[in-house]
Amino acid sequence: MPLTAAVWKQDSTKEFPTPERCHILETYNTATDESLSIARARVEPGITTAWHLLEHTVERYIIVEGHGRVEIDDLPAVDVEPGDVVIIPAAIQQRIANSGNVDLVFYCVCTPRFESRNYRSLE
């Protein structure tokens, strides 16, 4: 089915906490567009998210606010800040820590779109 022009309005009242220790706002995720999804993630100061992975889903973090430290599989931990993009291949363990004094905010762009059945907690 071809996409049609649209504007998706963000509704911050729909943000929810996750067992992963972050807050998620589904910005764009619909079964009518299987190609991708976009979510805003927010991690509070001093918090590290749980180790997890997404099966069958490539994830990209686009850092927009705050400072963090991301860990992906066996790579050395890397500090991230606004403007940085993190690429996480499917089925690779990951977590991110907020190393700053304000909320760490980033967008998660998933291809294909995020589906909860592909999420695996590793803790």
PDB file of N, CA and C in Angstrom:
ATOM      1  N   MET A   1       0.842  -1.180   0.000  1.00  0.00           N
ATOM      2  CA  MET A   1       0.000   0.000   0.000  1.00  0.00           C
ATOM      3  C   MET A   1       0.888   1.244   0.000  1.00  0.00           C
ATOM      4  N   PRO A   2       0.708   2.153  -0.931  1.00  0.00           N
ATOM      5  CA  PRO A   2       1.529   3.371  -0.973  1.00  0.00           C
ATOM      6  C   PRO A   2       1.218   4.289   0.203  1.00  0.00           C
ATOM      7  N   LEU A   3       2.248   4.998   0.654  1.00  0.00           N
ATOM      8  CA  LEU A   3       2.054   5.966   1.727  1.00  0.00           C
ATOM      9  C   LEU A   3       1.337   7.192   1.202  1.00  0.00           C
ATOM     10  N   THR A   4       0.583   7.825   2.069  1.00  0.00           N
ATOM     11  CA  THR A   4      -0.067   9.078   1.725  1.00  0.00           C
ATOM     12  C   THR A   4       0.541  10.182   2.586  1.00  0.00           C
ATOM     13  N   ALA A   5       0.466  11.387   2.113  1.00  0.00           N
ATOM     14  CA  ALA A   5       0.982  12.516   2.873  1.00  0.00           C
ATOM     15  C   ALA A   5       0.235  12.639   4.187  1.00  0.00           C
ATOM     16  N   ALA A   6       0.957  12.941   5.258  1.00  0.00           N
ATOM     17  CA  ALA A   6       0.341  13.054   6.579  1.00  0.00           C
ATOM     18  C   ALA A   6       1.283  13.797   7.513  1.00  0.00           C
ATOM     19  N   VAL A   7       0.730  14.282   8.604  1.00  0.00           N
ATOM     20  CA  VAL A   7       1.515  14.867   9.685  1.00  0.00           C
ATOM     21  C   VAL A   7       1.097  14.151  10.965  1.00  0.00           C
ATOM     22  N   TRP A   8       2.048  13.533  11.637  1.00  0.00           N
ATOM     23  CA  TRP A   8       1.784  12.854  12.901  1.00  0.00           C
ATOM     24  C   TRP A   8       2.169  13.813  14.021  1.00  0.00           C
ATOM     25  N   LYS A   9       1.218  14.170  14.860  1.00  0.00           N
ATOM     26  CA  LYS A   9       1.463  15.092  15.965  1.00  0.00           C
ATOM     27  C   LYS A   9       1.909  14.308  17.196  1.00  0.00           C
ATOM     28  N   GLN A  10       2.974  14.771  17.826  1.00  0.00           N
ATOM     29  CA  GLN A  10       3.466  14.139  19.046  1.00  0.00           C
ATOM     30  C   GLN A  10       2.581  14.525  20.220  1.00  0.00           C
ATOM     31  N   ASP A  11       2.171  13.560  21.033  1.00  0.00           N
ATOM     32  CA  ASP A  11       1.345  13.791  22.214  1.00  0.00           C
ATOM     33  C   ASP A  11       2.130  13.323  23.431  1.00  0.00           C
ATOM     34  N   SER A  12       2.806  14.251  24.108  1.00  0.00           N
ATOM     35  CA  SER A  12       3.697  13.891  25.209  1.00  0.00           C
ATOM     36  C   SER A  12       2.961  13.255  26.388  1.00  0.00           C
ATOM     37  N   THR A  13       1.637  13.383  26.454  1.00  0.00           N
ATOM     38  CA  THR A  13       0.892  12.734  27.535  1.00  0.00           C
ATOM     39  C   THR A  13       0.868  11.216  27.371  1.00  0.00           C
ATOM     40  N   LYS A  14       1.283  10.704  26.211  1.00  0.00           N
ATOM     41  CA  LYS A  14       1.284   9.264  25.969  1.00  0.00           C
ATOM     42  C   LYS A  14       2.633   8.608  26.265  1.00  0.00           C
ATOM     43  N   GLU A  15       3.570   9.382  26.823  1.00  0.00           N
ATOM     44  CA  GLU A  15       4.842   8.802  27.229  1.00  0.00           C
ATOM     45  C   GLU A  15       4.593   7.807  28.364  1.00  0.00           C
ATOM     46  N   PHE A  16       5.330   6.682  28.338  1.00  0.00           N
ATOM     47  CA  PHE A  16       5.150   5.667  29.383  1.00  0.00           C
ATOM     48  C   PHE A  16       6.505   5.138  29.852  1.00  0.00           C
ATOM     49  N   PRO A  17       6.591   4.776  31.149  1.00  0.00           N
ATOM     50  CA  PRO A  17       7.827   4.183  31.662  1.00  0.00           C
ATOM     51  C   PRO A  17       7.913   2.718  31.233  1.00  0.00           C
ATOM     52  N   THR A  18       9.128   2.223  31.071  1.00  0.00           N
ATOM     53  CA  THR A  18       9.320   0.831  30.684  1.00  0.00           C
ATOM     54  C   THR A  18      10.106   0.091  31.764  1.00  0.00           C
ATOM     55  N   PRO A  19       9.997  -1.229  31.798  1.00  0.00           N
ATOM     56  CA  PRO A  19      10.825  -2.008  32.721  1.00  0.00           C
ATOM     57  C   PRO A  19      12.318  -1.870  32.409  1.00  0.00           C
ATOM     58  N   GLU A  20      12.622  -1.388  31.220  1.00  0.00           N
ATOM     59  CA  GLU A  20      14.006  -1.177  30.772  1.00  0.00           C
ATOM     60  C   GLU A  20      14.655   0.019  31.476  1.00  0.00           C
ATOM     61  N   ARG A  21      13.875   0.792  32.240  1.00  0.00           N
ATOM     62  CA  ARG A  21      14.322   1.955  33.004  1.00  0.00           C
ATOM     63  C   ARG A  21      14.441   3.219  32.159  1.00  0.00           C
ATOM     64  N   CYS A  22      13.586   3.343  31.167  1.00  0.00           N
ATOM     65  CA  CYS A  22      13.510   4.594  30.412  1.00  0.00           C
ATOM     66  C   CYS A  22      12.043   4.907  30.162  1.00  0.00           C
ATOM     67  N   HIS A  23      11.806   6.051  29.551  1.00  0.00           N
ATOM     68  CA  HIS A  23      10.454   6.474  29.210  1.00  0.00           C
ATOM     69  C   HIS A  23      10.367   6.532  27.689  1.00  0.00           C
ATOM     70  N   ILE A  24       9.280   6.008  27.140  1.00  0.00           N
ATOM     71  CA  ILE A  24       9.125   5.931  25.686  1.00  0.00           C
ATOM     72  C   ILE A  24       7.866   6.673  25.259  1.00  0.00           C
ATOM     73  N   LEU A  25       7.995   7.405  24.160  1.00  0.00           N
ATOM     74  CA  LEU A  25       6.854   8.029  23.497  1.00  0.00           C
ATOM     75  C   LEU A  25       6.881   7.564  22.049  1.00  0.00           C
ATOM     76  N   GLU A  26       5.918   6.737  21.678  1.00  0.00           N
ATOM     77  CA  GLU A  26       5.823   6.266  20.294  1.00  0.00           C
ATOM     78  C   GLU A  26       5.443   7.466  19.424  1.00  0.00           C
ATOM     79  N   THR A  27       6.382   7.944  18.648  1.00  0.00           N
ATOM     80  CA  THR A  27       6.158   9.099  17.791  1.00  0.00           C
ATOM     81  C   THR A  27       5.490   8.690  16.487  1.00  0.00           C
ATOM     82  N   TYR A  28       5.954   7.551  15.928  1.00  0.00           N
ATOM     83  CA  TYR A  28       5.386   7.050  14.676  1.00  0.00           C
ATOM     84  C   TYR A  28       5.599   5.545  14.622  1.00  0.00           C
ATOM     85  N   ASN A  29       4.512   4.804  14.737  1.00  0.00           N
ATOM     86  CA  ASN A  29       4.586   3.350  14.652  1.00  0.00           C
ATOM     87  C   ASN A  29       3.197   2.847  14.266  1.00  0.00           C
ATOM     88  N   THR A  30       3.069   2.402  13.020  1.00  0.00           N
ATOM     89  CA  THR A  30       1.770   1.962  12.535  1.00  0.00           C
ATOM     90  C   THR A  30       1.923   0.754  11.625  1.00  0.00           C
ATOM     91  N   ALA A  31       0.975  -0.152  11.718  1.00  0.00           N
ATOM     92  CA  ALA A  31       0.989  -1.351  10.873  1.00  0.00           C
ATOM     93  C   ALA A  31       0.803  -1.012   9.397  1.00  0.00           C
ATOM     94  N   THR A  32       0.345   0.192   9.103  1.00  0.00           N
ATOM     95  CA  THR A  32       0.184   0.584   7.699  1.00  0.00           C
ATOM     96  C   THR A  32       1.506   1.003   7.063  1.00  0.00           C
ATOM     97  N   ASP A  33       2.562   1.116   7.882  1.00  0.00           N
ATOM     98  CA  ASP A  33       3.901   1.414   7.372  1.00  0.00           C
ATOM     99  C   ASP A  33       4.885   0.504   8.101  1.00  0.00           C
ATOM    100  N   GLU A  34       5.091  -0.674   7.560  1.00  0.00           N
ATOM    101  CA  GLU A  34       5.964  -1.676   8.173  1.00  0.00           C
ATOM    102  C   GLU A  34       7.444  -1.312   8.054  1.00  0.00           C
ATOM    103  N   SER A  35       7.768  -0.330   7.203  1.00  0.00           N
ATOM    104  CA  SER A  35       9.172  -0.055   6.893  1.00  0.00           C
ATOM    105  C   SER A  35       9.967   0.514   8.060  1.00  0.00           C
ATOM    106  N   LEU A  36       9.323   1.294   8.949  1.00  0.00           N
ATOM    107  CA  LEU A  36      10.062   1.893  10.051  1.00  0.00           C
ATOM    108  C   LEU A  36       9.133   2.363  11.143  1.00  0.00           C
ATOM    109  N   SER A  37       9.731   2.636  12.297  1.00  0.00           N
ATOM    110  CA  SER A  37       9.030   3.297  13.393  1.00  0.00           C
ATOM    111  C   SER A  37       9.989   4.287  14.036  1.00  0.00           C
ATOM    112  N   ILE A  38       9.407   5.262  14.734  1.00  0.00           N
ATOM    113  CA  ILE A  38      10.193   6.278  15.422  1.00  0.00           C
ATOM    114  C   ILE A  38       9.612   6.431  16.830  1.00  0.00           C
ATOM    115  N   ALA A  39      10.481   6.392  17.831  1.00  0.00           N
ATOM    116  CA  ALA A  39      10.062   6.608  19.210  1.00  0.00           C
ATOM    117  C   ALA A  39      11.030   7.580  19.865  1.00  0.00           C
ATOM    118  N   ARG A  40      10.509   8.386  20.783  1.00  0.00           N
ATOM    119  CA  ARG A  40      11.379   9.246  21.579  1.00  0.00           C
ATOM    120  C   ARG A  40      11.652   8.522  22.892  1.00  0.00           C
ATOM    121  N   ALA A  41      12.915   8.390  23.236  1.00  0.00           N
ATOM    122  CA  ALA A  41      13.297   7.765  24.499  1.00  0.00           C
ATOM    123  C   ALA A  41      13.862   8.834  25.423  1.00  0.00           C
ATOM    124  N   ARG A  42      13.583   8.665  26.717  1.00  0.00           N
ATOM    125  CA  ARG A  42      14.097   9.612  27.717  1.00  0.00           C
ATOM    126  C   ARG A  42      14.633   8.799  28.898  1.00  0.00           C
ATOM    127  N   VAL A  43      15.897   9.066  29.239  1.00  0.00           N
ATOM    128  CA  VAL A  43      16.548   8.384  30.352  1.00  0.00           C
ATOM    129  C   VAL A  43      16.913   9.447  31.384  1.00  0.00           C
ATOM    130  N   GLU A  44      16.491   9.232  32.610  1.00  0.00           N
ATOM    131  CA  GLU A  44      16.742  10.208  33.666  1.00  0.00           C
ATOM    132  C   GLU A  44      18.204  10.188  34.110  1.00  0.00           C
ATOM    133  N   PRO A  45      18.689  11.305  34.697  1.00  0.00           N
ATOM    134  CA  PRO A  45      20.082  11.370  35.154  1.00  0.00           C
ATOM    135  C   PRO A  45      20.429  10.218  36.096  1.00  0.00           C
ATOM    136  N   GLY A  46      21.617   9.658  35.892  1.00  0.00           N
ATOM    137  CA  GLY A  46      22.103   8.581  36.748  1.00  0.00           C
ATOM    138  C   GLY A  46      21.557   7.198  36.434  1.00  0.00           C
ATOM    139  N   ILE A  47      20.670   7.084  35.467  1.00  0.00           N
ATOM    140  CA  ILE A  47      20.037   5.801  35.132  1.00  0.00           C
ATOM    141  C   ILE A  47      20.758   5.152  33.950  1.00  0.00           C
ATOM    142  N   THR A  48      20.912   3.835  34.033  1.00  0.00           N
ATOM    143  CA  THR A  48      21.402   3.021  32.927  1.00  0.00           C
ATOM    144  C   THR A  48      20.278   2.074  32.533  1.00  0.00           C
ATOM    145  N   THR A  49      19.960   2.016  31.258  1.00  0.00           N
ATOM    146  CA  THR A  49      18.897   1.115  30.816  1.00  0.00           C
ATOM    147  C   THR A  49      19.355  -0.336  30.942  1.00  0.00           C
ATOM    148  N   ALA A  50      18.404  -1.239  30.917  1.00  0.00           N
ATOM    149  CA  ALA A  50      18.691  -2.671  31.019  1.00  0.00           C
ATOM    150  C   ALA A  50      19.311  -3.175  29.721  1.00  0.00           C
ATOM    151  N   TRP A  51      20.217  -4.160  29.858  1.00  0.00           N
ATOM    152  CA  TRP A  51      20.719  -4.826  28.657  1.00  0.00           C
ATOM    153  C   TRP A  51      19.543  -5.453  27.927  1.00  0.00           C
ATOM    154  N   HIS A  52      19.489  -5.248  26.603  1.00  0.00           N
ATOM    155  CA  HIS A  52      18.408  -5.807  25.796  1.00  0.00           C
ATOM    156  C   HIS A  52      18.856  -5.898  24.350  1.00  0.00           C
ATOM    157  N   LEU A  53      18.026  -6.520  23.532  1.00  0.00           N
ATOM    158  CA  LEU A  53      18.269  -6.535  22.088  1.00  0.00           C
ATOM    159  C   LEU A  53      16.935  -6.571  21.368  1.00  0.00           C
ATOM    160  N   LEU A  54      16.980  -6.238  20.095  1.00  0.00           N
ATOM    161  CA  LEU A  54      15.808  -6.307  19.230  1.00  0.00           C
ATOM    162  C   LEU A  54      16.090  -7.318  18.124  1.00  0.00           C
ATOM    163  N   GLU A  55      15.340  -8.391  18.111  1.00  0.00           N
ATOM    164  CA  GLU A  55      15.493  -9.378  17.046  1.00  0.00           C
ATOM    165  C   GLU A  55      14.850  -8.836  15.774  1.00  0.00           C
ATOM    166  N   HIS A  56      15.447  -9.117  14.629  1.00  0.00           N
ATOM    167  CA  HIS A  56      14.897  -8.769  13.310  1.00  0.00           C
ATOM    168  C   HIS A  56      14.709  -7.262  13.104  1.00  0.00           C
ATOM    169  N   THR A  57      15.370  -6.436  13.913  1.00  0.00           N
ATOM    170  CA  THR A  57      15.150  -4.986  13.856  1.00  0.00           C
ATOM    171  C   THR A  57      16.469  -4.245  14.022  1.00  0.00           C
ATOM    172  N   VAL A  58      16.805  -3.388  13.068  1.00  0.00           N
ATOM    173  CA  VAL A  58      17.955  -2.492  13.186  1.00  0.00           C
ATOM    174  C   VAL A  58      17.467  -1.224  13.875  1.00  0.00           C
ATOM    175  N   GLU A  59      18.248  -0.750  14.841  1.00  0.00           N
ATOM    176  CA  GLU A  59      17.858   0.447  15.587  1.00  0.00           C
ATOM    177  C   GLU A  59      18.933   1.511  15.440  1.00  0.00           C
ATOM    178  N   ARG A  60      18.489   2.752  15.347  1.00  0.00           N
ATOM    179  CA  ARG A  60      19.386   3.896  15.297  1.00  0.00           C
ATOM    180  C   ARG A  60      18.941   4.881  16.363  1.00  0.00           C
ATOM    181  N   TYR A  61      19.886   5.327  17.180  1.00  0.00           N
ATOM    182  CA  TYR A  61      19.609   6.376  18.162  1.00  0.00           C
ATOM    183  C   TYR A  61      20.098   7.690  17.577  1.00  0.00           C
ATOM    184  N   ILE A  62      19.275   8.702  17.654  1.00  0.00           N
ATOM    185  CA  ILE A  62      19.675  10.054  17.286  1.00  0.00           C
ATOM    186  C   ILE A  62      19.593  10.883  18.571  1.00  0.00           C
ATOM    187  N   ILE A  63      20.738  11.254  19.103  1.00  0.00           N
ATOM    188  CA  ILE A  63      20.794  11.951  20.388  1.00  0.00           C
ATOM    189  C   ILE A  63      20.396  13.415  20.174  1.00  0.00           C
ATOM    190  N   VAL A  64      19.422  13.892  20.980  1.00  0.00           N
ATOM    191  CA  VAL A  64      18.966  15.279  20.820  1.00  0.00           C
ATOM    192  C   VAL A  64      19.183  16.146  22.060  1.00  0.00           C
ATOM    193  N   GLU A  65      19.248  15.537  23.255  1.00  0.00           N
ATOM    194  CA  GLU A  65      19.473  16.312  24.483  1.00  0.00           C
ATOM    195  C   GLU A  65      20.257  15.478  25.474  1.00  0.00           C
ATOM    196  N   GLY A  66      21.113  16.133  26.235  1.00  0.00           N
ATOM    197  CA  GLY A  66      21.834  15.462  27.307  1.00  0.00           C
ATOM    198  C   GLY A  66      23.086  14.753  26.826  1.00  0.00           C
ATOM    199  N   HIS A  67      23.677  14.009  27.758  1.00  0.00           N
ATOM    200  CA  HIS A  67      24.903  13.265  27.492  1.00  0.00           C
ATOM    201  C   HIS A  67      24.753  11.858  28.039  1.00  0.00           C
ATOM    202  N   GLY A  68      25.318  10.915  27.307  1.00  0.00           N
ATOM    203  CA  GLY A  68      25.204   9.527  27.729  1.00  0.00           C
ATOM    204  C   GLY A  68      26.433   8.725  27.377  1.00  0.00           C
ATOM    205  N   ARG A  69      26.348   7.452  27.723  1.00  0.00           N
ATOM    206  CA  ARG A  69      27.414   6.490  27.417  1.00  0.00           C
ATOM    207  C   ARG A  69      26.712   5.235  26.926  1.00  0.00           C
ATOM    208  N   VAL A  70      26.972   4.877  25.672  1.00  0.00           N
ATOM    209  CA  VAL A  70      26.286   3.740  25.061  1.00  0.00           C
ATOM    210  C   VAL A  70      27.219   2.538  25.003  1.00  0.00           C
ATOM    211  N   GLU A  71      26.638   1.368  25.250  1.00  0.00           N
ATOM    212  CA  GLU A  71      27.367   0.103  25.150  1.00  0.00           C
ATOM    213  C   GLU A  71      26.633  -0.778  24.146  1.00  0.00           C
ATOM    214  N   ILE A  72      27.383  -1.268  23.167  1.00  0.00           N
ATOM    215  CA  ILE A  72      26.820  -2.124  22.120  1.00  0.00           C
ATOM    216  C   ILE A  72      27.692  -3.363  22.004  1.00  0.00           C
ATOM    217  N   ASP A  73      27.122  -4.504  22.339  1.00  0.00           N
ATOM    218  CA  ASP A  73      27.800  -5.790  22.221  1.00  0.00           C
ATOM    219  C   ASP A  73      29.175  -5.714  22.884  1.00  0.00           C
ATOM    220  N   ASP A  74      30.223  -6.111  22.174  1.00  0.00           N
ATOM    221  CA  ASP A  74      31.572  -6.128  22.748  1.00  0.00           C
ATOM    222  C   ASP A  74      32.392  -4.883  22.425  1.00  0.00           C
ATOM    223  N   LEU A  75      31.764  -3.871  21.814  1.00  0.00           N
ATOM    224  CA  LEU A  75      32.489  -2.643  21.511  1.00  0.00           C
ATOM    225  C   LEU A  75      32.799  -1.883  22.802  1.00  0.00           C
ATOM    226  N   PRO A  76      33.868  -1.097  22.816  1.00  0.00           N
ATOM    227  CA  PRO A  76      34.115  -0.241  23.986  1.00  0.00           C
ATOM    228  C   PRO A  76      32.959   0.749  24.154  1.00  0.00           C
ATOM    229  N   ALA A  77      32.645   1.091  25.394  1.00  0.00           N
ATOM    230  CA  ALA A  77      31.606   2.085  25.666  1.00  0.00           C
ATOM    231  C   ALA A  77      32.013   3.415  25.035  1.00  0.00           C
ATOM    232  N   VAL A  78      31.016   4.165  24.529  1.00  0.00           N
ATOM    233  CA  VAL A  78      31.278   5.427  23.834  1.00  0.00           C
ATOM    234  C   VAL A  78      30.376   6.516  24.409  1.00  0.00           C
ATOM    235  N   ASP A  79      30.963   7.677  24.692  1.00  0.00           N
ATOM    236  CA  ASP A  79      30.178   8.830  25.135  1.00  0.00           C
ATOM    237  C   ASP A  79      29.434   9.413  23.940  1.00  0.00           C
ATOM    238  N   VAL A  80      28.176   9.815  24.173  1.00  0.00           N
ATOM    239  CA  VAL A  80      27.355  10.397  23.112  1.00  0.00           C
ATOM    240  C   VAL A  80      26.749  11.704  23.589  1.00  0.00           C
ATOM    241  N   GLU A  81      26.472  12.575  22.610  1.00  0.00           N
ATOM    242  CA  GLU A  81      25.922  13.899  22.896  1.00  0.00           C
ATOM    243  C   GLU A  81      25.032  14.309  21.722  1.00  0.00           C
ATOM    244  N   PRO A  82      24.330  15.441  21.854  1.00  0.00           N
ATOM    245  CA  PRO A  82      23.421  15.856  20.784  1.00  0.00           C
ATOM    246  C   PRO A  82      24.090  15.887  19.413  1.00  0.00           C
ATOM    247  N   GLY A  83      23.382  15.322  18.444  1.00  0.00           N
ATOM    248  CA  GLY A  83      23.868  15.250  17.077  1.00  0.00           C
ATOM    249  C   GLY A  83      24.474  13.908  16.724  1.00  0.00           C
ATOM    250  N   ASP A  84      24.842  13.117  17.734  1.00  0.00           N
ATOM    251  CA  ASP A  84      25.435  11.809  17.466  1.00  0.00           C
ATOM    252  C   ASP A  84      24.365  10.806  17.032  1.00  0.00           C
ATOM    253  N   VAL A  85      24.763   9.858  16.191  1.00  0.00           N
ATOM    254  CA  VAL A  85      23.889   8.780  15.732  1.00  0.00           C
ATOM    255  C   VAL A  85      24.554   7.463  16.095  1.00  0.00           C
ATOM    256  N   VAL A  86      23.795   6.583  16.715  1.00  0.00           N
ATOM    257  CA  VAL A  86      24.271   5.274  17.135  1.00  0.00           C
ATOM    258  C   VAL A  86      23.557   4.228  16.283  1.00  0.00           C
ATOM    259  N   ILE A  87      24.307   3.313  15.677  1.00  0.00           N
ATOM    260  CA  ILE A  87      23.735   2.256  14.840  1.00  0.00           C
ATOM    261  C   ILE A  87      23.829   0.937  15.600  1.00  0.00           C
ATOM    262  N   ILE A  88      22.689   0.261  15.754  1.00  0.00           N
ATOM    263  CA  ILE A  88      22.645  -1.004  16.475  1.00  0.00           C
ATOM    264  C   ILE A  88      22.023  -2.063  15.566  1.00  0.00           C
ATOM    265  N   PRO A  89      22.845  -2.979  15.040  1.00  0.00           N
ATOM    266  CA  PRO A  89      22.309  -4.038  14.182  1.00  0.00           C
ATOM    267  C   PRO A  89      21.312  -4.922  14.934  1.00  0.00           C
ATOM    268  N   ALA A  90      20.496  -5.637  14.196  1.00  0.00           N
ATOM    269  CA  ALA A  90      19.519  -6.554  14.791  1.00  0.00           C
ATOM    270  C   ALA A  90      20.229  -7.605  15.632  1.00  0.00           C
ATOM    271  N   ALA A  91      19.583  -7.969  16.739  1.00  0.00           N
ATOM    272  CA  ALA A  91      20.015  -9.057  17.622  1.00  0.00           C
ATOM    273  C   ALA A  91      21.351  -8.798  18.315  1.00  0.00           C
ATOM    274  N   ILE A  92      21.712  -7.520  18.515  1.00  0.00           N
ATOM    275  CA  ILE A  92      22.952  -7.148  19.197  1.00  0.00           C
ATOM    276  C   ILE A  92      22.585  -6.521  20.545  1.00  0.00           C
ATOM    277  N   GLN A  93      23.230  -6.969  21.628  1.00  0.00           N
ATOM    278  CA  GLN A  93      22.915  -6.427  22.952  1.00  0.00           C
ATOM    279  C   GLN A  93      23.339  -4.970  23.059  1.00  0.00           C
ATOM    280  N   GLN A  94      22.553  -4.220  23.850  1.00  0.00           N
ATOM    281  CA  GLN A  94      22.770  -2.789  23.966  1.00  0.00           C
ATOM    282  C   GLN A  94      22.214  -2.263  25.275  1.00  0.00           C
ATOM    283  N   ARG A  95      22.759  -1.128  25.682  1.00  0.00           N
ATOM    284  CA  ARG A  95      22.197  -0.340  26.780  1.00  0.00           C
ATOM    285  C   ARG A  95      22.826   1.040  26.708  1.00  0.00           C
ATOM    286  N   ILE A  96      22.186   2.003  27.391  1.00  0.00           N
ATOM    287  CA  ILE A  96      22.704   3.364  27.398  1.00  0.00           C
ATOM    288  C   ILE A  96      22.524   3.941  28.792  1.00  0.00           C
ATOM    289  N   ALA A  97      23.509   4.725  29.234  1.00  0.00           N
ATOM    290  CA  ALA A  97      23.473   5.370  30.543  1.00  0.00           C
ATOM    291  C   ALA A  97      23.408   6.872  30.359  1.00  0.00           C
ATOM    292  N   ASN A  98      22.658   7.530  31.233  1.00  0.00           N
ATOM    293  CA  ASN A  98      22.648   8.985  31.256  1.00  0.00           C
ATOM    294  C   ASN A  98      23.783   9.413  32.177  1.00  0.00           C
ATOM    295  N   SER A  99      24.812  10.019  31.602  1.00  0.00           N
ATOM    296  CA  SER A  99      25.976  10.448  32.369  1.00  0.00           C
ATOM    297  C   SER A  99      25.931  11.937  32.704  1.00  0.00           C
ATOM    298  N   GLY A 100      24.827  12.584  32.383  1.00  0.00           N
ATOM    299  CA  GLY A 100      24.710  14.024  32.622  1.00  0.00           C
ATOM    300  C   GLY A 100      23.796  14.358  33.780  1.00  0.00           C
ATOM    301  N   ASN A 101      23.467  15.646  33.903  1.00  0.00           N
ATOM    302  CA  ASN A 101      22.620  16.153  34.986  1.00  0.00           C
ATOM    303  C   ASN A 101      21.204  16.471  34.537  1.00  0.00           C
ATOM    304  N   VAL A 102      20.923  16.301  33.250  1.00  0.00           N
ATOM    305  CA  VAL A 102      19.575  16.519  32.711  1.00  0.00           C
ATOM    306  C   VAL A 102      19.158  15.251  31.973  1.00  0.00           C
ATOM    307  N   ASP A 103      17.888  15.162  31.627  1.00  0.00           N
ATOM    308  CA  ASP A 103      17.415  13.986  30.905  1.00  0.00           C
ATOM    309  C   ASP A 103      18.200  13.779  29.613  1.00  0.00           C
ATOM    310  N   LEU A 104      18.506  12.526  29.320  1.00  0.00           N
ATOM    311  CA  LEU A 104      19.081  12.128  28.035  1.00  0.00           C
ATOM    312  C   LEU A 104      17.901  11.806  27.126  1.00  0.00           C
ATOM    313  N   VAL A 105      17.783  12.508  26.010  1.00  0.00           N
ATOM    314  CA  VAL A 105      16.668  12.321  25.090  1.00  0.00           C
ATOM    315  C   VAL A 105      17.214  11.958  23.721  1.00  0.00           C
ATOM    316  N   PHE A 106      16.646  10.911  23.140  1.00  0.00           N
ATOM    317  CA  PHE A 106      17.064  10.497  21.798  1.00  0.00           C
ATOM    318  C   PHE A 106      15.891   9.853  21.089  1.00  0.00           C
ATOM    319  N   TYR A 107      15.959   9.894  19.776  1.00  0.00           N
ATOM    320  CA  TYR A 107      14.954   9.225  18.956  1.00  0.00           C
ATOM    321  C   TYR A 107      15.495   7.877  18.527  1.00  0.00           C
ATOM    322  N   CYS A 108      14.637   6.880  18.557  1.00  0.00           N
ATOM    323  CA  CYS A 108      14.959   5.525  18.117  1.00  0.00           C
ATOM    324  C   CYS A 108      14.242   5.298  16.796  1.00  0.00           C
ATOM    325  N   VAL A 109      15.009   5.105  15.743  1.00  0.00           N
ATOM    326  CA  VAL A 109      14.451   4.822  14.429  1.00  0.00           C
ATOM    327  C   VAL A 109      14.703   3.349  14.153  1.00  0.00           C
ATOM    328  N   CYS A 110      13.634   2.585  14.013  1.00  0.00           N
ATOM    329  CA  CYS A 110      13.739   1.139  13.838  1.00  0.00           C
ATOM    330  C   CYS A 110      13.303   0.724  12.444  1.00  0.00           C
ATOM    331  N   THR A 111      14.074  -0.182  11.842  1.00  0.00           N
ATOM    332  CA  THR A 111      13.697  -0.766  10.559  1.00  0.00           C
ATOM    333  C   THR A 111      13.871  -2.279  10.633  1.00  0.00           C
ATOM    334  N   PRO A 112      12.857  -3.043  10.258  1.00  0.00           N
ATOM    335  CA  PRO A 112      11.490  -2.572  10.066  1.00  0.00           C
ATOM    336  C   PRO A 112      10.931  -2.030  11.380  1.00  0.00           C
ATOM    337  N   ARG A 113       9.687  -1.646  11.399  1.00  0.00           N
ATOM    338  CA  ARG A 113       9.108  -0.980  12.562  1.00  0.00           C
ATOM    339  C   ARG A 113       9.235  -1.830  13.823  1.00  0.00           C
ATOM    340  N   PHE A 114       9.315  -1.165  14.972  1.00  0.00           N
ATOM    341  CA  PHE A 114       9.403  -1.845  16.255  1.00  0.00           C
ATOM    342  C   PHE A 114       8.121  -2.609  16.534  1.00  0.00           C
ATOM    343  N   GLU A 115       8.302  -3.854  16.946  1.00  0.00           N
ATOM    344  CA  GLU A 115       7.191  -4.674  17.436  1.00  0.00           C
ATOM    345  C   GLU A 115       7.653  -5.308  18.733  1.00  0.00           C
ATOM    346  N   SER A 116       6.838  -5.239  19.769  1.00  0.00           N
ATOM    347  CA  SER A 116       7.239  -5.716  21.094  1.00  0.00           C
ATOM    348  C   SER A 116       7.648  -7.180  21.097  1.00  0.00           C
ATOM    349  N   ARG A 117       7.124  -7.968  20.171  1.00  0.00           N
ATOM    350  CA  ARG A 117       7.484  -9.387  20.127  1.00  0.00           C
ATOM    351  C   ARG A 117       8.973  -9.598  19.789  1.00  0.00           C
ATOM    352  N   ASN A 118       9.641  -8.566  19.247  1.00  0.00           N
ATOM    353  CA  ASN A 118      11.063  -8.662  18.900  1.00  0.00           C
ATOM    354  C   ASN A 118      12.003  -8.190  20.024  1.00  0.00           C
ATOM    355  N   TYR A 119      11.425  -7.657  21.090  1.00  0.00           N
ATOM    356  CA  TYR A 119      12.227  -7.162  22.211  1.00  0.00           C
ATOM    357  C   TYR A 119      12.626  -8.317  23.119  1.00  0.00           C
ATOM    358  N   ARG A 120      13.900  -8.363  23.510  1.00  0.00           N
ATOM    359  CA  ARG A 120      14.392  -9.378  24.426  1.00  0.00           C
ATOM    360  C   ARG A 120      15.187  -8.709  25.548  1.00  0.00           C
ATOM    361  N   SER A 121      14.694  -8.854  26.780  1.00  0.00           N
ATOM    362  CA  SER A 121      15.452  -8.382  27.936  1.00  0.00           C
ATOM    363  C   SER A 121      16.570  -9.377  28.196  1.00  0.00           C
ATOM    364  N   LEU A 122      17.739  -8.862  28.551  1.00  0.00           N
ATOM    365  CA  LEU A 122      18.881  -9.716  28.849  1.00  0.00           C
ATOM    366  C   LEU A 122      19.248  -9.664  30.331  1.00  0.00           C
ATOM    367  N   GLU A 123      18.340  -9.118  31.134  1.00  0.00           N
ATOM    368  CA  GLU A 123      18.594  -9.043  32.590  1.00  0.00           C
ATOM    369  C   GLU A 123      17.549  -9.840  33.332  1.00  0.00           C
TER     370      GLU A 123
END
